[in-house]
Amino acid sequence: MARFNKVQVITAMRDTGMVPVFYHNDPEVVRNVVKACYDGGIRVFEFTNRGDFAHEVFAEVNKWVIENCPDMIMGVGTVVDPATASLYLQLGANFIVGPNLNPAICEVCNRRLVPYSPGCGSVSEINNAQAMGCDVTKVFPAGNVGGPSFVKNVMAPLRWSNIMVTGGVSPDKENLEAWIKAGVLCVGMGSQLFPVDTVKAKDWKAITDKCIEALGYIAAARK
């Protein structure tokens, strides 16, 4: 069962402004990455469902997070079907994210009052997702469907929208400023935040420092 309710999840997404996106098949690596992000000020984290037995990794890590990073809101991404969504909800996922929009997942998440952020690439998809109860819609792949200008143009007619962007986001000042100024609720960031060499070297401080830097750019852009 989710520890955080829908309002808490969405508020944390907005307040933090950034949701790290990460997967690794070693629970120890995931724990260290989550802790590094937590130390850097992150309070919402998306574990991606991208490998065999990924749910077992999430289950182990989520139990550890509850004890050691109590304010971290753990969710799961790359969820494309309702069965997988149900599995992760049973393991304590606080939100579900997908690369596509699946109405059946809306039903599963709405029954538990858990946020579902589907991947959308058009105004119609975003609007349809909102009609199905998706409070936060994910524009994906954001860098390919039009970038910050796409978000800005969507926000004109659909000004009530809460948009998270993933794909084409990097932790540098210019990139983050462009997305924030376009009107996103938050950004999702994966490989740019967790370079393979950094993870391999177990340089967790570098990840913490990068989170602090990125959050600083987001805060400055919002002023």
Protein backbone atom coordinates (compact mmCIF):
# COMPACT_ATOMS: atom_id res chain seq x y z
CA MET A 1 0.00 0.00 0.00
CA ALA A 2 1.25 3.49 -0.85
CA ARG A 3 2.61 5.45 2.11
CA PHE A 4 1.97 8.81 0.47
CA ASN A 5 -1.38 9.99 -0.90
CA LYS A 6 -1.96 11.56 -4.30
CA VAL A 7 -1.80 15.13 -3.03
CA GLN A 8 1.50 14.49 -1.27
CA VAL A 9 3.02 12.90 -4.37
CA ILE A 10 2.02 15.68 -6.74
CA THR A 11 3.05 18.36 -4.25
CA ALA A 12 6.48 16.78 -3.87
CA MET A 13 6.87 16.59 -7.66
CA ARG A 14 6.06 20.28 -7.90
CA ASP A 15 8.15 21.40 -4.94
CA THR A 16 11.22 19.34 -5.87
CA GLY A 17 10.88 19.95 -9.59
CA MET A 18 12.88 16.89 -10.58
CA VAL A 19 12.26 13.15 -10.56
CA PRO A 20 15.33 10.93 -11.06
CA VAL A 21 14.70 7.88 -13.24
CA PHE A 22 16.92 4.87 -12.64
CA TYR A 23 17.19 1.09 -12.96
CA HIS A 24 19.85 -1.40 -11.95
CA ASN A 25 19.60 -5.11 -11.24
CA ASP A 26 21.70 -4.85 -8.08
CA PRO A 27 19.65 -3.64 -5.08
CA GLU A 28 22.79 -2.33 -3.40
CA VAL A 29 23.52 -0.03 -6.33
CA VAL A 30 19.92 1.23 -6.35
CA ARG A 31 20.04 1.88 -2.60
CA ASN A 32 23.20 3.93 -2.97
CA VAL A 33 21.78 5.92 -5.88
CA VAL A 34 18.55 6.64 -4.01
CA LYS A 35 20.50 7.73 -0.92
CA ALA A 36 22.75 9.96 -3.02
CA CYS A 37 19.69 11.63 -4.53
CA TYR A 38 18.07 11.94 -1.11
CA ASP A 39 21.17 13.63 0.27
CA GLY A 40 21.02 15.99 -2.71
CA GLY A 41 17.50 17.15 -1.87
CA ILE A 42 15.43 14.82 -4.05
CA ARG A 43 12.17 13.60 -2.55
CA VAL A 44 10.55 11.75 -5.49
CA PHE A 45 12.29 8.84 -7.25
CA GLU A 46 11.19 6.67 -10.19
CA PHE A 47 12.54 3.12 -10.31
CA THR A 48 12.10 1.80 -13.85
CA ASN A 49 10.69 -1.66 -14.54
CA ARG A 50 13.25 -2.64 -17.15
CA GLY A 51 14.80 -5.98 -16.21
CA ASP A 52 13.95 -9.51 -15.21
CA PHE A 53 12.92 -9.72 -11.54
CA ALA A 54 12.87 -5.91 -11.37
CA HIS A 55 9.94 -6.11 -8.96
CA GLU A 56 12.10 -8.06 -6.52
CA VAL A 57 14.75 -5.34 -6.64
CA PHE A 58 12.11 -2.67 -6.03
CA ALA A 59 10.57 -4.59 -3.13
CA GLU A 60 13.92 -4.88 -1.38
CA VAL A 61 14.93 -1.28 -2.03
CA ASN A 62 11.56 0.16 -1.05
CA LYS A 63 11.67 -1.56 2.35
CA TRP A 64 15.13 -0.08 2.90
CA VAL A 65 14.00 3.39 1.81
CA ILE A 66 11.13 3.39 4.30
CA GLU A 67 13.64 2.94 7.12
CA ASN A 68 16.54 5.02 5.86
CA CYS A 69 15.09 7.73 3.61
CA PRO A 70 11.61 8.15 5.15
CA ASP A 71 10.63 11.22 3.13
CA MET A 72 11.54 9.71 -0.24
CA ILE A 73 8.49 8.95 -2.37
CA MET A 74 9.22 5.86 -4.45
CA GLY A 75 7.35 5.19 -7.68
CA VAL A 76 7.75 2.85 -10.63
CA GLY A 77 8.10 3.66 -14.32
CA THR A 78 8.03 1.78 -17.62
CA VAL A 79 4.69 0.23 -16.67
CA VAL A 80 2.64 -0.63 -19.76
CA ASP A 81 -0.10 -2.96 -18.49
CA PRO A 82 -2.49 -3.11 -15.52
CA ALA A 83 -1.11 -6.38 -14.15
CA THR A 84 2.33 -4.86 -13.72
CA ALA A 85 0.82 -1.75 -12.15
CA SER A 86 -1.07 -3.91 -9.65
CA LEU A 87 2.08 -5.85 -8.80
CA TYR A 88 4.04 -2.71 -7.96
CA LEU A 89 1.17 -1.16 -6.04
CA GLN A 90 1.16 -4.26 -3.88
CA LEU A 91 4.88 -3.66 -3.26
CA GLY A 92 4.26 -0.12 -2.05
CA ALA A 93 4.72 2.03 -5.16
CA ASN A 94 3.43 5.54 -4.51
CA PHE A 95 2.96 6.43 -8.18
CA ILE A 96 3.03 4.70 -11.55
CA VAL A 97 4.58 6.05 -14.75
CA GLY A 98 4.38 4.67 -18.28
CA PRO A 99 5.81 5.48 -21.71
CA ASN A 100 2.29 5.23 -23.15
CA LEU A 101 -1.33 5.82 -22.16
CA ASN A 102 -3.21 2.68 -21.12
CA PRO A 103 -6.78 3.31 -19.87
CA ALA A 104 -6.74 -0.01 -17.98
CA ILE A 105 -3.89 1.28 -15.80
CA CYS A 106 -5.94 4.38 -15.03
CA GLU A 107 -8.64 2.17 -13.57
CA VAL A 108 -6.20 0.18 -11.43
CA CYS A 109 -4.51 3.30 -10.03
CA ASN A 110 -7.72 5.29 -9.57
CA ARG A 111 -9.15 2.51 -7.41
CA ARG A 112 -6.21 2.98 -5.03
CA LEU A 113 -6.06 6.79 -5.44
CA VAL A 114 -2.47 6.43 -6.67
CA PRO A 115 -1.20 8.86 -9.33
CA TYR A 116 -0.66 7.44 -12.82
CA SER A 117 1.44 9.54 -15.21
CA PRO A 118 1.15 8.13 -18.74
CA GLY A 119 3.42 9.04 -21.61
CA CYS A 120 1.70 11.38 -24.05
CA GLY A 121 2.90 12.91 -27.31
CA SER A 122 -0.02 15.07 -28.40
CA VAL A 123 -2.60 17.52 -27.09
CA SER A 124 -5.33 14.91 -27.58
CA GLU A 125 -3.45 12.28 -25.58
CA ILE A 126 -2.81 14.72 -22.75
CA ASN A 127 -6.45 15.80 -22.67
CA ASN A 128 -7.72 12.22 -22.85
CA ALA A 129 -5.42 11.21 -20.00
CA GLN A 130 -6.72 14.06 -17.88
CA ALA A 131 -10.30 12.94 -18.57
CA MET A 132 -9.32 9.50 -17.23
CA GLY A 133 -8.09 10.96 -13.96
CA CYS A 134 -4.37 11.44 -14.66
CA ASP A 135 -3.42 14.54 -12.70
CA VAL A 136 0.17 14.57 -14.00
CA THR A 137 0.81 13.66 -17.62
CA LYS A 138 4.26 12.77 -18.90
CA VAL A 139 5.35 14.18 -22.24
CA PHE A 140 7.55 11.47 -23.73
CA PRO A 141 9.90 11.44 -25.49
CA ALA A 142 9.91 15.13 -24.70
CA GLY A 143 12.95 16.04 -26.76
CA ASN A 144 11.51 14.38 -29.87
CA VAL A 145 7.91 15.59 -29.79
CA GLY A 146 8.80 19.26 -29.80
CA GLY A 147 10.85 20.13 -26.73
CA PRO A 148 10.05 23.11 -24.49
CA SER A 149 8.12 24.86 -27.28
CA PHE A 150 5.69 21.92 -27.41
CA VAL A 151 5.01 22.22 -23.68
CA LYS A 152 4.60 25.97 -23.91
CA ASN A 153 2.08 25.64 -26.74
CA VAL A 154 0.15 22.90 -24.90
CA MET A 155 -0.05 25.01 -21.75
CA ALA A 156 -1.74 27.85 -23.66
CA PRO A 157 -5.07 26.04 -24.26
CA LEU A 158 -4.66 23.50 -21.44
CA ARG A 159 -3.33 25.89 -18.82
CA TRP A 160 -4.47 23.67 -15.93
CA SER A 161 -2.13 20.88 -17.02
CA ASN A 162 0.55 19.34 -14.78
CA ILE A 163 3.22 18.18 -17.19
CA MET A 164 6.29 16.11 -16.41
CA VAL A 165 8.83 15.77 -19.21
CA THR A 166 11.19 12.85 -19.73
CA GLY A 167 13.61 12.33 -22.59
CA GLY A 168 15.80 15.18 -23.76
CA VAL A 169 16.32 16.54 -20.25
CA SER A 170 19.84 17.21 -18.93
CA PRO A 171 21.08 18.65 -15.61
CA ASP A 172 22.55 21.80 -17.09
CA LYS A 173 21.32 25.36 -16.55
CA GLU A 174 20.22 26.13 -20.11
CA ASN A 175 18.24 22.92 -20.57
CA LEU A 176 16.47 23.01 -17.20
CA GLU A 177 15.68 26.71 -17.50
CA ALA A 178 14.03 26.13 -20.88
CA TRP A 179 11.74 23.39 -19.54
CA ILE A 180 10.80 25.32 -16.38
CA LYS A 181 10.08 28.51 -18.30
CA ALA A 182 7.87 26.48 -20.66
CA GLY A 183 5.65 25.61 -17.71
CA VAL A 184 6.44 22.03 -16.68
CA LEU A 185 5.48 20.79 -13.23
CA CYS A 186 8.72 18.82 -13.04
CA VAL A 187 11.34 17.09 -15.15
CA GLY A 188 12.28 13.42 -15.21
CA MET A 189 15.97 12.65 -15.70
CA GLY A 190 17.83 9.39 -16.14
CA SER A 191 21.09 8.72 -17.96
CA GLN A 192 22.18 12.37 -17.91
CA LEU A 193 21.99 12.35 -14.13
CA PHE A 194 23.52 8.90 -13.71
CA PRO A 195 26.38 8.47 -16.19
CA VAL A 196 27.43 4.83 -16.56
CA ASP A 197 31.01 5.60 -15.55
CA THR A 198 29.87 7.41 -12.39
CA VAL A 199 27.69 4.51 -11.28
CA LYS A 200 30.38 1.97 -12.16
CA ALA A 201 32.92 3.93 -10.10
CA LYS A 202 30.42 4.12 -7.22
CA ASP A 203 30.97 7.86 -7.05
CA TRP A 204 27.79 8.54 -5.09
CA LYS A 205 28.94 12.00 -4.02
CA ALA A 206 29.09 13.06 -7.66
CA ILE A 207 25.41 12.15 -7.99
CA THR A 208 24.55 14.07 -4.82
CA ASP A 209 26.44 17.11 -6.09
CA LYS A 210 24.73 16.92 -9.49
CA CYS A 211 21.30 16.79 -7.83
CA ILE A 212 22.10 19.83 -5.70
CA GLU A 213 23.31 21.70 -8.78
CA ALA A 214 20.27 20.79 -10.89
CA LEU A 215 17.80 21.68 -8.15
CA GLY A 216 19.54 25.02 -7.85
CA TYR A 217 19.00 25.72 -11.54
CA ILE A 218 15.33 24.74 -11.24
CA ALA A 219 14.78 27.00 -8.25
CA ALA A 220 16.46 29.93 -9.98
CA ALA A 221 14.41 29.42 -13.16
CA ARG A 222 11.17 29.53 -11.15
CA LYS A 223 11.92 32.95 -9.67
